Amino acid sequence: MIAGLVYILTPIIAGEHLDLANLNNALVFVGLGLSLSTLQDTAKTQNKLFKFMLENPRNGKWIITLMSVVTFLILALGIFGIFFSGNQLLNELYFGLILLGVGLIGFLKSAIETIENAGN
């Protein structure tokens, strides 16, 4: 996650414009960071979002639904973009979106498991 932040902040600090290559690298590293963060124990509360979901199960279902929709939209945009974009730089960006979507799938899985473990 920090590597993704570095790719975003480095051009801004240098006074340059953020280009698609840096944005793609940031998306790849954020997706990778999300994927690795899902390897943690889901029986324990990992962050404030999961804690809120455990305290309010009804709102937790809405949050999971919202996370599912956002994940689907990011994946759909990435897949649609790869198939219908003729620009190589944009294809790289869409590939980064797909990797971010895969990371979000893992995060969504962790959220669902956290809610299931709370019921036990």
N, C-alpha and C. Protein backbone atom coordinates (compact mmCIF):
# COMPACT_ATOMS: atom_id res chain seq x y z
N MET A 1 0.83 -1.18 0.00
CA MET A 1 0.00 0.00 0.00
C MET A 1 0.88 1.25 0.00
N ILE A 2 1.98 1.19 0.74
CA ILE A 2 2.89 2.34 0.79
C ILE A 2 3.54 2.55 -0.57
N ALA A 3 3.85 1.46 -1.27
CA ALA A 3 4.45 1.60 -2.59
C ALA A 3 3.48 2.29 -3.56
N GLY A 4 2.20 1.98 -3.45
CA GLY A 4 1.19 2.66 -4.27
C GLY A 4 1.13 4.14 -3.96
N LEU A 5 1.22 4.47 -2.69
CA LEU A 5 1.21 5.87 -2.28
C LEU A 5 2.45 6.60 -2.80
N VAL A 6 3.59 5.92 -2.81
CA VAL A 6 4.83 6.52 -3.33
C VAL A 6 4.67 6.84 -4.81
N TYR A 7 4.07 5.93 -5.58
CA TYR A 7 3.89 6.16 -7.01
C TYR A 7 2.95 7.34 -7.28
N ILE A 8 2.03 7.60 -6.37
CA ILE A 8 1.12 8.73 -6.54
C ILE A 8 1.80 10.03 -6.11
N LEU A 9 2.49 10.00 -4.98
CA LEU A 9 3.04 11.24 -4.41
C LEU A 9 4.33 11.72 -5.06
N THR A 10 5.15 10.82 -5.59
CA THR A 10 6.44 11.21 -6.16
C THR A 10 6.30 12.25 -7.27
N PRO A 11 5.44 12.04 -8.26
CA PRO A 11 5.32 13.09 -9.30
C PRO A 11 4.72 14.39 -8.76
N ILE A 12 3.82 14.28 -7.79
CA ILE A 12 3.19 15.48 -7.25
C ILE A 12 4.22 16.31 -6.49
N ILE A 13 5.05 15.64 -5.70
CA ILE A 13 6.10 16.35 -4.95
C ILE A 13 7.12 16.96 -5.89
N ALA A 14 7.42 16.25 -6.98
CA ALA A 14 8.40 16.76 -7.94
C ALA A 14 7.82 17.88 -8.80
N GLY A 15 6.54 18.17 -8.67
CA GLY A 15 5.91 19.24 -9.43
C GLY A 15 5.51 18.83 -10.83
N GLU A 16 5.46 17.54 -11.08
CA GLU A 16 5.07 17.04 -12.40
C GLU A 16 3.62 16.57 -12.35
N HIS A 17 3.09 16.29 -13.53
CA HIS A 17 1.73 15.75 -13.61
C HIS A 17 1.77 14.24 -13.40
N LEU A 18 0.73 13.72 -12.81
CA LEU A 18 0.62 12.28 -12.61
C LEU A 18 0.31 11.63 -13.95
N ASP A 19 1.15 10.69 -14.38
CA ASP A 19 0.92 10.05 -15.66
C ASP A 19 0.27 8.68 -15.46
N LEU A 20 -0.16 8.08 -16.56
CA LEU A 20 -0.88 6.80 -16.49
C LEU A 20 0.00 5.67 -15.99
N ALA A 21 1.29 5.71 -16.28
CA ALA A 21 2.18 4.64 -15.82
C ALA A 21 2.27 4.63 -14.30
N ASN A 22 2.40 5.81 -13.69
CA ASN A 22 2.44 5.87 -12.22
C ASN A 22 1.11 5.46 -11.61
N LEU A 23 0.02 5.89 -12.24
CA LEU A 23 -1.30 5.52 -11.73
C LEU A 23 -1.51 4.01 -11.83
N ASN A 24 -1.07 3.41 -12.92
CA ASN A 24 -1.18 1.96 -13.07
C ASN A 24 -0.37 1.24 -11.99
N ASN A 25 0.86 1.69 -11.76
CA ASN A 25 1.69 1.06 -10.72
C ASN A 25 1.05 1.20 -9.35
N ALA A 26 0.46 2.35 -9.08
CA ALA A 26 -0.22 2.55 -7.80
C ALA A 26 -1.39 1.59 -7.65
N LEU A 27 -2.19 1.42 -8.71
CA LEU A 27 -3.32 0.49 -8.65
C LEU A 27 -2.86 -0.95 -8.43
N VAL A 28 -1.77 -1.33 -9.08
CA VAL A 28 -1.25 -2.68 -8.93
C VAL A 28 -0.81 -2.92 -7.48
N PHE A 29 -0.08 -1.97 -6.91
CA PHE A 29 0.41 -2.16 -5.54
C PHE A 29 -0.70 -2.08 -4.51
N VAL A 30 -1.70 -1.26 -4.73
CA VAL A 30 -2.84 -1.21 -3.80
C VAL A 30 -3.62 -2.52 -3.87
N GLY A 31 -3.83 -3.03 -5.08
CA GLY A 31 -4.50 -4.33 -5.21
C GLY A 31 -3.72 -5.45 -4.56
N LEU A 32 -2.41 -5.43 -4.73
CA LEU A 32 -1.56 -6.43 -4.09
C LEU A 32 -1.61 -6.29 -2.57
N GLY A 33 -1.58 -5.06 -2.09
CA GLY A 33 -1.66 -4.83 -0.64
C GLY A 33 -2.99 -5.31 -0.06
N LEU A 34 -4.07 -5.07 -0.77
CA LEU A 34 -5.37 -5.56 -0.31
C LEU A 34 -5.41 -7.08 -0.31
N SER A 35 -4.84 -7.68 -1.33
CA SER A 35 -4.82 -9.15 -1.39
C SER A 35 -4.03 -9.74 -0.22
N LEU A 36 -2.90 -9.15 0.08
CA LEU A 36 -2.09 -9.66 1.18
C LEU A 36 -2.72 -9.38 2.54
N SER A 37 -3.47 -8.30 2.65
CA SER A 37 -4.10 -7.99 3.94
C SER A 37 -5.22 -8.97 4.28
N THR A 38 -5.74 -9.66 3.29
CA THR A 38 -6.82 -10.61 3.55
C THR A 38 -6.29 -11.92 4.12
N LEU A 39 -4.98 -12.07 4.22
CA LEU A 39 -4.41 -13.29 4.81
C LEU A 39 -4.45 -13.26 6.33
N GLN A 40 -4.87 -12.14 6.90
CA GLN A 40 -4.93 -12.02 8.35
C GLN A 40 -6.09 -12.85 8.90
N ASP A 41 -6.10 -13.03 10.21
CA ASP A 41 -7.14 -13.80 10.88
C ASP A 41 -8.45 -13.02 10.86
N THR A 42 -9.48 -13.62 10.27
CA THR A 42 -10.77 -12.94 10.18
C THR A 42 -11.60 -13.10 11.44
N ALA A 43 -11.13 -13.90 12.40
CA ALA A 43 -11.86 -14.06 13.65
C ALA A 43 -11.70 -12.82 14.53
N LYS A 44 -10.69 -12.00 14.25
CA LYS A 44 -10.47 -10.77 14.99
C LYS A 44 -10.87 -9.58 14.13
N THR A 45 -11.25 -8.50 14.78
CA THR A 45 -11.59 -7.28 14.06
C THR A 45 -10.31 -6.63 13.55
N GLN A 46 -10.25 -6.36 12.24
CA GLN A 46 -9.03 -5.85 11.63
C GLN A 46 -8.99 -4.33 11.56
N ASN A 47 -10.14 -3.69 11.33
CA ASN A 47 -10.17 -2.24 11.16
C ASN A 47 -11.51 -1.69 11.61
N LYS A 48 -11.67 -0.39 11.52
CA LYS A 48 -12.89 0.26 12.00
C LYS A 48 -14.11 -0.16 11.20
N LEU A 49 -13.94 -0.42 9.91
CA LEU A 49 -15.07 -0.84 9.09
C LEU A 49 -15.61 -2.19 9.56
N PHE A 50 -14.72 -3.14 9.80
CA PHE A 50 -15.16 -4.45 10.27
C PHE A 50 -15.77 -4.36 11.66
N LYS A 51 -15.22 -3.50 12.50
CA LYS A 51 -15.77 -3.31 13.84
C LYS A 51 -17.18 -2.73 13.76
N PHE A 52 -17.39 -1.76 12.87
CA PHE A 52 -18.72 -1.19 12.68
C PHE A 52 -19.70 -2.24 12.17
N MET A 53 -19.23 -3.11 11.27
CA MET A 53 -20.09 -4.17 10.74
C MET A 53 -20.48 -5.15 11.83
N LEU A 54 -19.57 -5.43 12.75
CA LEU A 54 -19.88 -6.36 13.84
C LEU A 54 -20.85 -5.76 14.84
N GLU A 55 -20.73 -4.45 15.09
CA GLU A 55 -21.61 -3.80 16.05
C GLU A 55 -23.00 -3.57 15.49
N ASN A 56 -23.13 -3.42 14.19
CA ASN A 56 -24.41 -3.18 13.52
C ASN A 56 -24.59 -4.17 12.38
N PRO A 57 -25.10 -5.37 12.66
CA PRO A 57 -25.19 -6.40 11.61
C PRO A 57 -26.05 -5.98 10.42
N ARG A 58 -27.09 -5.21 10.67
CA ARG A 58 -27.95 -4.80 9.56
C ARG A 58 -27.19 -3.87 8.63
N ASN A 59 -26.45 -2.93 9.22
CA ASN A 59 -25.63 -2.04 8.39
C ASN A 59 -24.48 -2.81 7.74
N GLY A 60 -24.02 -3.86 8.40
CA GLY A 60 -22.96 -4.69 7.83
C GLY A 60 -23.38 -5.31 6.51
N LYS A 61 -24.64 -5.74 6.43
CA LYS A 61 -25.14 -6.31 5.17
C LYS A 61 -25.17 -5.26 4.07
N TRP A 62 -25.52 -4.03 4.43
CA TRP A 62 -25.52 -2.96 3.44
C TRP A 62 -24.09 -2.64 2.99
N ILE A 63 -23.17 -2.65 3.91
CA ILE A 63 -21.78 -2.37 3.56
C ILE A 63 -21.23 -3.47 2.65
N ILE A 64 -21.56 -4.71 2.95
CA ILE A 64 -21.11 -5.81 2.08
C ILE A 64 -21.72 -5.69 0.69
N THR A 65 -22.98 -5.31 0.63
CA THR A 65 -23.63 -5.11 -0.67
C THR A 65 -22.94 -3.99 -1.44
N LEU A 66 -22.67 -2.88 -0.76
CA LEU A 66 -21.99 -1.76 -1.41
C LEU A 66 -20.58 -2.16 -1.86
N MET A 67 -19.86 -2.90 -1.03
CA MET A 67 -18.53 -3.37 -1.41
C MET A 67 -18.61 -4.28 -2.62
N SER A 68 -19.63 -5.12 -2.69
CA SER A 68 -19.80 -6.02 -3.84
C SER A 68 -20.04 -5.24 -5.12
N VAL A 69 -20.88 -4.22 -5.04
CA VAL A 69 -21.19 -3.42 -6.23
C VAL A 69 -19.95 -2.67 -6.70
N VAL A 70 -19.22 -2.06 -5.78
CA VAL A 70 -18.01 -1.32 -6.16
C VAL A 70 -16.97 -2.26 -6.77
N THR A 71 -16.79 -3.43 -6.16
CA THR A 71 -15.85 -4.41 -6.69
C THR A 71 -16.24 -4.85 -8.09
N PHE A 72 -17.52 -5.14 -8.29
CA PHE A 72 -18.00 -5.55 -9.61
C PHE A 72 -17.79 -4.44 -10.64
N LEU A 73 -18.09 -3.20 -10.28
CA LEU A 73 -17.92 -2.10 -11.22
C LEU A 73 -16.47 -1.89 -11.60
N ILE A 74 -15.57 -2.00 -10.64
CA ILE A 74 -14.14 -1.83 -10.94
C ILE A 74 -13.66 -2.95 -11.87
N LEU A 75 -14.06 -4.18 -11.57
CA LEU A 75 -13.67 -5.30 -12.43
C LEU A 75 -14.28 -5.17 -13.83
N ALA A 76 -15.55 -4.79 -13.89
CA ALA A 76 -16.21 -4.64 -15.18
C ALA A 76 -15.56 -3.54 -16.01
N LEU A 77 -15.22 -2.42 -15.37
CA LEU A 77 -14.55 -1.34 -16.09
C LEU A 77 -13.20 -1.79 -16.61
N GLY A 78 -12.45 -2.52 -15.79
CA GLY A 78 -11.14 -3.01 -16.22
C GLY A 78 -11.24 -3.99 -17.38
N ILE A 79 -12.15 -4.94 -17.27
CA ILE A 79 -12.30 -5.94 -18.34
C ILE A 79 -12.83 -5.30 -19.62
N PHE A 80 -13.84 -4.44 -19.48
CA PHE A 80 -14.40 -3.75 -20.64
C PHE A 80 -13.32 -2.89 -21.31
N GLY A 81 -12.53 -2.19 -20.49
CA GLY A 81 -11.50 -1.33 -21.04
C GLY A 81 -10.41 -2.08 -21.77
N ILE A 82 -10.03 -3.24 -21.25
CA ILE A 82 -8.98 -4.02 -21.92
C ILE A 82 -9.45 -4.50 -23.29
N PHE A 83 -10.70 -4.91 -23.37
CA PHE A 83 -11.19 -5.45 -24.64
C PHE A 83 -11.48 -4.37 -25.68
N PHE A 84 -11.85 -3.19 -25.25
CA PHE A 84 -12.31 -2.19 -26.21
C PHE A 84 -11.42 -0.97 -26.34
N SER A 85 -10.29 -0.93 -25.64
CA SER A 85 -9.38 0.19 -25.77
C SER A 85 -8.26 -0.19 -26.73
N GLY A 86 -7.94 0.72 -27.62
CA GLY A 86 -6.86 0.47 -28.57
C GLY A 86 -5.53 1.04 -28.10
N ASN A 87 -5.56 1.84 -27.06
CA ASN A 87 -4.36 2.51 -26.57
C ASN A 87 -3.63 1.60 -25.58
N GLN A 88 -2.34 1.38 -25.80
CA GLN A 88 -1.55 0.49 -24.94
C GLN A 88 -1.44 1.03 -23.51
N LEU A 89 -1.26 2.36 -23.36
CA LEU A 89 -1.16 2.93 -22.01
C LEU A 89 -2.47 2.76 -21.24
N LEU A 90 -3.59 2.92 -21.92
CA LEU A 90 -4.88 2.71 -21.25
C LEU A 90 -5.08 1.24 -20.91
N ASN A 91 -4.59 0.34 -21.75
CA ASN A 91 -4.68 -1.08 -21.43
C ASN A 91 -3.93 -1.40 -20.14
N GLU A 92 -2.79 -0.76 -19.95
CA GLU A 92 -2.03 -0.95 -18.70
C GLU A 92 -2.85 -0.45 -17.51
N LEU A 93 -3.51 0.68 -17.67
CA LEU A 93 -4.33 1.23 -16.60
C LEU A 93 -5.51 0.30 -16.29
N TYR A 94 -6.12 -0.23 -17.31
CA TYR A 94 -7.23 -1.16 -17.10
C TYR A 94 -6.76 -2.45 -16.44
N PHE A 95 -5.55 -2.89 -16.76
CA PHE A 95 -4.99 -4.06 -16.09
C PHE A 95 -4.80 -3.77 -14.60
N GLY A 96 -4.36 -2.55 -14.29
CA GLY A 96 -4.24 -2.15 -12.89
C GLY A 96 -5.59 -2.16 -12.19
N LEU A 97 -6.65 -1.74 -12.89
CA LEU A 97 -7.99 -1.78 -12.31
C LEU A 97 -8.44 -3.21 -12.03
N ILE A 98 -8.09 -4.12 -12.93
CA ILE A 98 -8.45 -5.52 -12.71
C ILE A 98 -7.74 -6.06 -11.48
N LEU A 99 -6.46 -5.74 -11.32
CA LEU A 99 -5.74 -6.19 -10.13
C LEU A 99 -6.30 -5.57 -8.86
N LEU A 100 -6.72 -4.32 -8.92
CA LEU A 100 -7.37 -3.70 -7.77
C LEU A 100 -8.67 -4.43 -7.46
N GLY A 101 -9.43 -4.79 -8.48
CA GLY A 101 -10.67 -5.53 -8.28
C GLY A 101 -10.44 -6.88 -7.65
N VAL A 102 -9.38 -7.56 -8.03
CA VAL A 102 -9.04 -8.85 -7.43
C VAL A 102 -8.70 -8.67 -5.95
N GLY A 103 -7.97 -7.61 -5.64
CA GLY A 103 -7.67 -7.32 -4.24
C GLY A 103 -8.93 -7.02 -3.45
N LEU A 104 -9.88 -6.31 -4.08
CA LEU A 104 -11.14 -6.00 -3.42
C LEU A 104 -11.99 -7.26 -3.20
N ILE A 105 -11.86 -8.23 -4.09
CA ILE A 105 -12.57 -9.50 -3.89
C ILE A 105 -12.07 -10.17 -2.61
N GLY A 106 -10.77 -10.16 -2.40
CA GLY A 106 -10.22 -10.73 -1.18
C GLY A 106 -10.69 -9.96 0.05
N PHE A 107 -10.74 -8.63 -0.05
CA PHE A 107 -11.21 -7.80 1.06
C PHE A 107 -12.68 -8.09 1.34
N LEU A 108 -13.47 -8.26 0.30
CA LEU A 108 -14.89 -8.60 0.45
C LEU A 108 -15.05 -9.97 1.11
N LYS A 109 -14.23 -10.92 0.72
CA LYS A 109 -14.25 -12.25 1.33
C LYS A 109 -13.95 -12.16 2.83
N SER A 110 -12.98 -11.35 3.18
CA SER A 110 -12.65 -11.16 4.60
C SER A 110 -13.81 -10.54 5.36
N ALA A 111 -14.48 -9.57 4.75
CA ALA A 111 -15.63 -8.94 5.41
C ALA A 111 -16.76 -9.95 5.63
N ILE A 112 -17.01 -10.78 4.66
CA ILE A 112 -18.07 -11.80 4.79
C ILE A 112 -17.69 -12.80 5.87
N GLU A 113 -16.44 -13.23 5.89
CA GLU A 113 -16.00 -14.18 6.92
C GLU A 113 -16.06 -13.56 8.31
N THR A 114 -15.78 -12.28 8.43
CA THR A 114 -15.85 -11.60 9.72
C THR A 114 -17.29 -11.62 10.23
N ILE A 115 -18.24 -11.34 9.37
CA ILE A 115 -19.65 -11.35 9.75
C ILE A 115 -20.07 -12.78 10.12
N GLU A 116 -19.61 -13.78 9.35
CA GLU A 116 -19.96 -15.16 9.67
C GLU A 116 -19.37 -15.60 11.00
N ASN A 117 -18.13 -15.21 11.28
CA ASN A 117 -17.50 -15.58 12.56
C ASN A 117 -18.18 -14.90 13.73
N ALA A 118 -18.77 -13.74 13.51
CA ALA A 118 -19.48 -13.04 14.58
C ALA A 118 -20.75 -13.79 14.99
N GLY A 119 -21.35 -14.49 14.02
CA GLY A 119 -22.57 -15.23 14.30
C GLY A 119 -22.32 -16.50 15.10
N ASN A 120 -21.09 -16.98 15.11
CA ASN A 120 -20.76 -18.23 15.82
C ASN A 120 -20.45 -18.00 17.26
